[in-house]
Amino acid sequence: MSAAELSGVLFDFDEAGADLELIPLAARRALDHAGLRLSRAGWQSLPLDARRTVVELGAADSLDASAVRAAVAVATPAPEPQPQLPEPSLERVPQEIPAALDGSRPLGHAQWLALSPLARYALHKVAASRRPERTPMAYDELVAATGLSTHLSAKGEARMVGVGDKPIALRRAVAESSVTLGPVALERLTQFDAKKGDVLAAARLAGIQAAKRTSELIPLCHLVALTRVAVELEVRPERSAVEIRATAEAIDRTGVEMEALVAASVAALTVYDMLKSSDRGMVIGPTRLLEKSGGRTGEYSR
């Protein structure tokens, strides 16, 4: 393992150093898997190439116990046998980790699975050690490095994703929702007899206005340059429902799925508000994305 490759598996919080005078966590993982305990003196007695080999073996996704034993066979004092330690479970985050983090940083199951085997080992090892106070430092270096959540900082703080490097392109999205009505509300709607006035006109305008204010409503959404918003409502008496279809378009660096979904949602809420005096049991939804185009992720169609 070259010095450059070595630096990729040595962690700042571990403080082992590129000279490998101390036993880094990658090497400890290899030794744990091989069922060996090696003193600092025994580790330092190994040639540097042997120490690098142990680190490389411990950084691999699949561990080779026999290769580890061969690499440390010449250590003085000799390594002592110990029970082989299993890898941290993939089924759940080990309880020592959230206990050591004390709620300061989130670690969900998806984040846990996204870590490399070495990173999972290192985080668990630190949390279960005699110095668990290092766990937040380990989290910041290991979990943030996965890039799993573009909307969370290493400390779990919400942040807006940078889109400056994305190309400007035509973005389009279509979403739908519906409102299922009771018989009285349906009659009010079809007879244009709602107490608050024109239900469909109000809902259409509300949806368009909401799309233009999506970035104010959804905290991490960007303000986009909308070029078109259309909200269509159709009364379906046979289903006792109002079907809503919202289209949003923009020439910008990020998509407009949320604008379309917000428009459909608010239009549905407005239908409810306009008719709630006649029927408070109306049901909204499902609200869902039907299609989108433009951008790196390509096209989507339901």
Protein backbone atom coordinates (compact mmCIF):
# COMPACT_ATOMS: atom_id res chain seq x y z
CA MET A 1 0.00 0.00 0.00
CA SER A 2 1.50 3.33 -1.10
CA ALA A 3 1.67 6.40 1.14
CA ALA A 4 -1.18 7.99 -0.84
CA GLU A 5 -3.35 4.89 -0.51
CA LEU A 6 -2.44 4.65 3.14
CA SER A 7 -3.68 8.16 3.82
CA GLY A 8 -7.11 7.15 2.59
CA VAL A 9 -7.58 4.63 5.40
CA LEU A 10 -5.95 6.56 8.24
CA PHE A 11 -8.39 8.79 10.09
CA ASP A 12 -7.58 12.14 11.66
CA PHE A 13 -9.54 11.37 14.82
CA ASP A 14 -7.52 8.15 15.29
CA GLU A 15 -4.25 10.10 15.52
CA ALA A 16 -2.25 7.07 14.37
CA GLY A 17 -0.13 8.98 11.85
CA ALA A 18 1.32 8.00 8.50
CA ASP A 19 4.51 6.76 10.18
CA LEU A 20 2.42 3.93 11.69
CA GLU A 21 4.13 4.20 15.04
CA LEU A 22 0.72 3.68 16.64
CA ILE A 23 -1.72 0.94 15.64
CA PRO A 24 -4.41 2.49 13.40
CA LEU A 25 -8.01 1.32 13.45
CA ALA A 26 -7.63 -0.44 10.10
CA ALA A 27 -4.91 -2.62 11.63
CA ARG A 28 -6.98 -3.21 14.77
CA ARG A 29 -9.85 -4.41 12.59
CA ALA A 30 -7.52 -6.90 10.91
CA LEU A 31 -6.21 -8.13 14.26
CA ASP A 32 -9.69 -8.42 15.77
CA HIS A 33 -10.83 -10.50 12.83
CA ALA A 34 -7.76 -12.74 13.10
CA GLY A 35 -8.31 -13.21 16.83
CA LEU A 36 -5.06 -11.55 17.84
CA ARG A 37 -3.99 -8.94 20.36
CA LEU A 38 -0.76 -7.12 19.55
CA SER A 39 1.05 -4.77 21.92
CA ARG A 40 2.42 -1.44 20.80
CA ALA A 41 5.94 -2.79 21.16
CA GLY A 42 5.05 -5.81 19.05
CA TRP A 43 3.51 -3.57 16.41
CA GLN A 44 6.55 -1.29 16.29
CA SER A 45 8.85 -4.29 15.96
CA LEU A 46 7.30 -5.12 12.60
CA PRO A 47 8.97 -3.81 9.43
CA LEU A 48 7.12 -0.85 7.96
CA ASP A 49 6.08 -2.88 4.93
CA ALA A 50 4.48 -5.48 7.23
CA ARG A 51 2.60 -2.78 9.13
CA ARG A 52 1.34 -1.34 5.86
CA THR A 53 0.21 -4.80 4.80
CA VAL A 54 -1.81 -5.23 7.99
CA VAL A 55 -3.42 -1.83 7.45
CA GLU A 56 -4.27 -2.75 3.86
CA LEU A 57 -5.78 -6.05 4.99
CA GLY A 58 -7.84 -4.28 7.64
CA ALA A 59 -9.15 -1.71 5.15
CA ALA A 60 -10.48 -4.36 2.75
CA ASP A 61 -14.19 -5.10 2.65
CA SER A 62 -13.49 -8.83 3.02
CA LEU A 63 -11.00 -9.79 5.71
CA ASP A 64 -8.34 -12.50 5.33
CA ALA A 65 -7.44 -13.81 8.77
CA SER A 66 -4.66 -16.10 7.59
CA ALA A 67 -2.93 -13.25 5.75
CA VAL A 68 -3.10 -11.11 8.87
CA ARG A 69 -1.55 -13.86 11.00
CA ALA A 70 1.26 -14.28 8.47
CA ALA A 71 1.96 -10.54 8.39
CA VAL A 72 2.38 -10.25 12.18
CA ALA A 73 4.10 -13.61 12.76
CA VAL A 74 7.55 -11.99 13.24
CA ALA A 75 6.36 -9.46 15.84
CA THR A 76 8.23 -9.31 19.16
CA PRO A 77 6.55 -9.77 21.60
CA ALA A 78 4.41 -12.19 19.63
CA PRO A 79 0.69 -11.45 19.26
CA GLU A 80 -1.56 -13.08 21.85
CA PRO A 81 -4.64 -15.06 20.86
CA GLN A 82 -8.04 -13.68 21.79
CA PRO A 83 -11.62 -14.47 20.74
CA GLN A 84 -12.25 -13.44 17.16
CA LEU A 85 -14.40 -10.29 17.24
CA PRO A 86 -17.29 -10.10 14.76
CA GLU A 87 -17.97 -7.15 12.51
CA PRO A 88 -20.65 -4.66 13.68
CA SER A 89 -24.13 -5.79 12.73
CA LEU A 90 -25.70 -4.49 9.54
CA GLU A 91 -29.18 -5.00 10.97
CA ARG A 92 -29.05 -2.04 13.35
CA VAL A 93 -26.76 0.72 14.55
CA PRO A 94 -24.87 -0.58 17.63
CA GLN A 95 -26.31 1.04 20.74
CA GLU A 96 -22.92 2.33 21.87
CA ILE A 97 -22.81 4.78 18.96
CA PRO A 98 -26.02 6.80 19.60
CA ALA A 99 -25.21 6.67 23.32
CA ALA A 100 -21.80 8.23 22.69
CA LEU A 101 -23.24 10.79 20.27
CA ASP A 102 -25.88 11.74 22.87
CA GLY A 103 -28.32 13.02 20.26
CA SER A 104 -25.84 15.52 18.80
CA ARG A 105 -25.72 13.85 15.37
CA PRO A 106 -28.22 11.65 13.52
CA LEU A 107 -27.31 8.15 12.40
CA GLY A 108 -30.12 6.26 10.70
CA HIS A 109 -30.03 2.75 9.33
CA ALA A 110 -29.55 3.98 5.75
CA GLN A 111 -26.55 6.06 6.82
CA TRP A 112 -25.13 3.08 8.68
CA LEU A 113 -25.43 0.84 5.63
CA ALA A 114 -23.81 3.47 3.41
CA LEU A 115 -20.60 3.38 5.45
CA SER A 116 -17.74 1.15 4.39
CA PRO A 117 -17.03 -1.91 6.58
CA LEU A 118 -13.93 -0.16 7.93
CA ALA A 119 -15.89 3.00 8.74
CA ARG A 120 -18.58 0.99 10.56
CA TYR A 121 -15.89 -0.82 12.53
CA ALA A 122 -14.04 2.39 13.37
CA LEU A 123 -17.15 4.25 14.51
CA HIS A 124 -18.27 1.34 16.69
CA LYS A 125 -14.76 0.78 18.07
CA VAL A 126 -14.41 4.39 19.14
CA ALA A 127 -17.89 4.55 20.66
CA ALA A 128 -17.25 1.37 22.68
CA SER A 129 -13.75 2.41 23.77
CA ARG A 130 -12.53 4.02 26.96
CA ARG A 131 -12.61 7.36 25.14
CA PRO A 132 -16.12 7.53 23.66
CA GLU A 133 -15.90 11.32 23.65
CA ARG A 134 -14.04 10.97 20.34
CA THR A 135 -17.18 9.56 18.69
CA PRO A 136 -18.51 12.94 17.42
CA MET A 137 -15.13 13.54 15.75
CA ALA A 138 -15.28 10.09 14.20
CA TYR A 139 -18.83 10.72 13.02
CA ASP A 140 -17.87 14.02 11.39
CA GLU A 141 -15.05 12.37 9.46
CA LEU A 142 -16.73 9.08 8.58
CA VAL A 143 -20.41 9.75 8.11
CA ALA A 144 -19.94 13.08 6.34
CA ALA A 145 -17.57 11.35 3.92
CA THR A 146 -20.32 9.08 2.62
CA GLY A 147 -22.10 12.01 0.99
CA LEU A 148 -25.32 10.11 1.69
CA SER A 149 -27.37 13.15 2.55
CA THR A 150 -26.87 16.19 0.39
CA HIS A 151 -29.24 18.07 2.68
CA LEU A 152 -27.45 17.40 5.99
CA SER A 153 -24.13 18.64 7.24
CA ALA A 154 -21.88 16.29 9.17
CA LYS A 155 -23.57 17.45 12.36
CA GLY A 156 -27.03 16.78 10.99
CA GLU A 157 -27.77 20.42 10.29
CA ALA A 158 -30.09 21.16 7.37
CA ARG A 159 -28.47 22.88 4.41
CA MET A 160 -29.42 23.83 0.86
CA VAL A 161 -27.73 21.86 -1.91
CA GLY A 162 -25.48 23.82 -4.23
CA VAL A 163 -26.68 23.70 -7.85
CA GLY A 164 -24.25 26.19 -9.37
CA ASP A 165 -22.48 23.49 -11.38
CA LYS A 166 -25.66 22.17 -12.96
CA PRO A 167 -26.53 23.21 -16.51
CA ILE A 168 -29.39 25.58 -17.21
CA ALA A 169 -32.07 23.59 -19.01
CA LEU A 170 -35.80 23.37 -19.55
CA ARG A 171 -37.29 21.58 -16.54
CA ARG A 172 -40.85 20.28 -16.53
CA ALA A 173 -42.92 18.36 -13.99
CA VAL A 174 -46.53 17.23 -13.78
CA ALA A 175 -48.29 16.24 -10.56
CA GLU A 176 -51.81 15.23 -9.66
CA SER A 177 -54.12 15.17 -6.69
CA SER A 178 -57.84 14.69 -6.10
CA VAL A 179 -60.58 15.51 -3.62
CA THR A 180 -63.31 12.95 -2.95
CA LEU A 181 -66.58 14.65 -2.04
CA GLY A 182 -69.72 13.71 -0.21
CA PRO A 183 -73.07 14.08 -2.02
CA VAL A 184 -73.90 17.50 -0.53
CA ALA A 185 -70.51 18.98 -1.41
CA LEU A 186 -70.70 17.50 -4.90
CA GLU A 187 -74.11 19.08 -5.43
CA ARG A 188 -72.87 22.47 -4.24
CA LEU A 189 -69.95 22.22 -6.64
CA THR A 190 -71.88 21.11 -9.71
CA GLN A 191 -74.68 23.62 -9.07
CA PHE A 192 -72.19 26.49 -8.52
CA ASP A 193 -73.83 26.97 -5.15
CA ALA A 194 -70.86 26.97 -2.76
CA LYS A 195 -71.12 29.62 -0.05
CA LYS A 196 -67.60 30.91 -0.72
CA GLY A 197 -68.02 31.28 -4.48
CA ASP A 198 -66.40 29.70 -7.51
CA VAL A 199 -64.59 26.66 -6.13
CA LEU A 200 -62.63 25.68 -9.22
CA ALA A 201 -61.49 29.21 -10.06
CA ALA A 202 -60.27 29.79 -6.51
CA ALA A 203 -58.45 26.45 -6.43
CA ARG A 204 -56.79 27.09 -9.80
CA LEU A 205 -55.46 30.49 -8.71
CA ALA A 206 -54.37 29.13 -5.32
CA GLY A 207 -52.37 26.34 -6.99
CA ILE A 208 -50.61 28.73 -9.36
CA GLN A 209 -49.79 31.14 -6.55
CA ALA A 210 -48.52 28.32 -4.35
CA ALA A 211 -46.19 27.02 -7.05
CA LYS A 212 -44.55 30.45 -7.25
CA ARG A 213 -43.95 30.39 -3.48
CA THR A 214 -42.67 26.84 -3.12
CA SER A 215 -39.23 27.93 -1.93
CA GLU A 216 -40.92 29.82 0.92
CA LEU A 217 -42.98 26.80 1.94
CA ILE A 218 -40.45 23.96 1.58
CA PRO A 219 -37.32 24.98 3.51
CA LEU A 220 -34.59 23.47 1.30
CA CYS A 221 -36.12 24.17 -2.11
CA HIS A 222 -34.43 26.64 -4.44
CA LEU A 223 -36.20 29.64 -5.89
CA VAL A 224 -36.54 28.75 -9.57
CA ALA A 225 -37.34 30.85 -12.60
CA LEU A 226 -40.78 29.47 -13.43
CA THR A 227 -41.86 30.07 -17.02
CA ARG A 228 -45.23 28.35 -16.77
CA VAL A 229 -47.63 26.98 -14.18
CA ALA A 230 -50.94 25.42 -15.18
CA VAL A 231 -53.53 23.93 -12.86
CA GLU A 232 -56.41 22.00 -14.38
CA LEU A 233 -59.41 20.79 -12.36
CA GLU A 234 -62.03 18.37 -13.61
CA VAL A 235 -65.20 17.39 -11.78
CA ARG A 236 -65.88 13.67 -12.02
CA PRO A 237 -69.48 13.12 -10.77
CA GLU A 238 -69.28 9.36 -11.33
CA ARG A 239 -66.43 9.23 -8.82
CA SER A 240 -67.79 12.05 -6.68
CA ALA A 241 -64.39 13.69 -6.99
CA VAL A 242 -62.43 16.62 -8.33
CA GLU A 243 -59.30 15.59 -10.22
CA ILE A 244 -56.41 18.05 -10.23
CA ARG A 245 -53.43 18.16 -12.59
CA ALA A 246 -50.63 20.69 -12.13
CA THR A 247 -47.82 21.42 -14.58
CA ALA A 248 -44.73 23.47 -13.78
CA GLU A 249 -41.98 24.53 -16.17
CA ALA A 250 -38.79 26.50 -15.69
CA ILE A 251 -35.53 27.25 -17.45
CA ASP A 252 -33.16 26.77 -14.54
CA ARG A 253 -30.48 24.64 -12.88
CA THR A 254 -32.79 22.48 -10.77
CA GLY A 255 -36.06 20.65 -11.24
CA VAL A 256 -39.63 21.75 -10.59
CA GLU A 257 -41.15 18.58 -9.14
CA MET A 258 -41.89 20.31 -5.85
CA GLU A 259 -43.53 23.26 -7.59
CA ALA A 260 -45.91 20.92 -9.42
CA LEU A 261 -46.65 18.93 -6.25
CA VAL A 262 -47.23 22.06 -4.18
CA ALA A 263 -49.57 23.47 -6.84
CA ALA A 264 -51.63 20.26 -6.89
CA SER A 265 -51.67 20.03 -3.10
CA VAL A 266 -52.75 23.60 -2.47
CA ALA A 267 -55.41 23.42 -5.20
CA ALA A 268 -56.82 20.35 -3.43
CA LEU A 269 -56.71 22.10 -0.06
CA THR A 270 -58.54 25.06 -1.55
CA VAL A 271 -61.30 22.82 -2.87
CA TYR A 272 -61.64 21.45 0.64
CA ASP A 273 -61.70 24.92 2.17
CA MET A 274 -64.32 26.19 -0.27
CA LEU A 275 -66.64 23.25 0.43
CA LYS A 276 -65.89 22.32 4.04
CA SER A 277 -69.09 23.92 5.34
CA SER A 278 -70.98 21.29 3.33
CA ASP A 279 -68.73 18.32 4.00
CA ARG A 280 -65.88 18.05 6.50
CA GLY A 281 -65.33 14.40 5.58
CA MET A 282 -63.80 15.08 2.17
CA VAL A 283 -60.67 13.06 1.40
CA ILE A 284 -57.62 14.53 -0.33
CA GLY A 285 -55.23 12.43 -2.41
CA PRO A 286 -53.35 10.60 -3.51
CA THR A 287 -51.03 13.43 -4.44
CA ARG A 288 -48.16 12.23 -6.61
CA LEU A 289 -45.67 13.10 -9.33
CA LEU A 290 -46.73 11.90 -12.76
CA GLU A 291 -43.75 12.92 -14.85
CA LYS A 292 -40.64 15.06 -14.95
CA SER A 293 -38.04 15.91 -17.56
CA GLY A 294 -34.81 17.88 -17.76
CA GLY A 295 -31.69 17.60 -15.65
CA ARG A 296 -29.08 14.96 -14.92
CA THR A 297 -31.49 12.35 -13.60
CA GLY A 298 -33.29 12.16 -16.94
CA GLU A 299 -36.96 11.60 -17.52
CA TYR A 300 -39.51 10.06 -15.17
CA SER A 301 -43.00 8.93 -16.06
CA ARG A 302 -45.44 7.14 -13.83
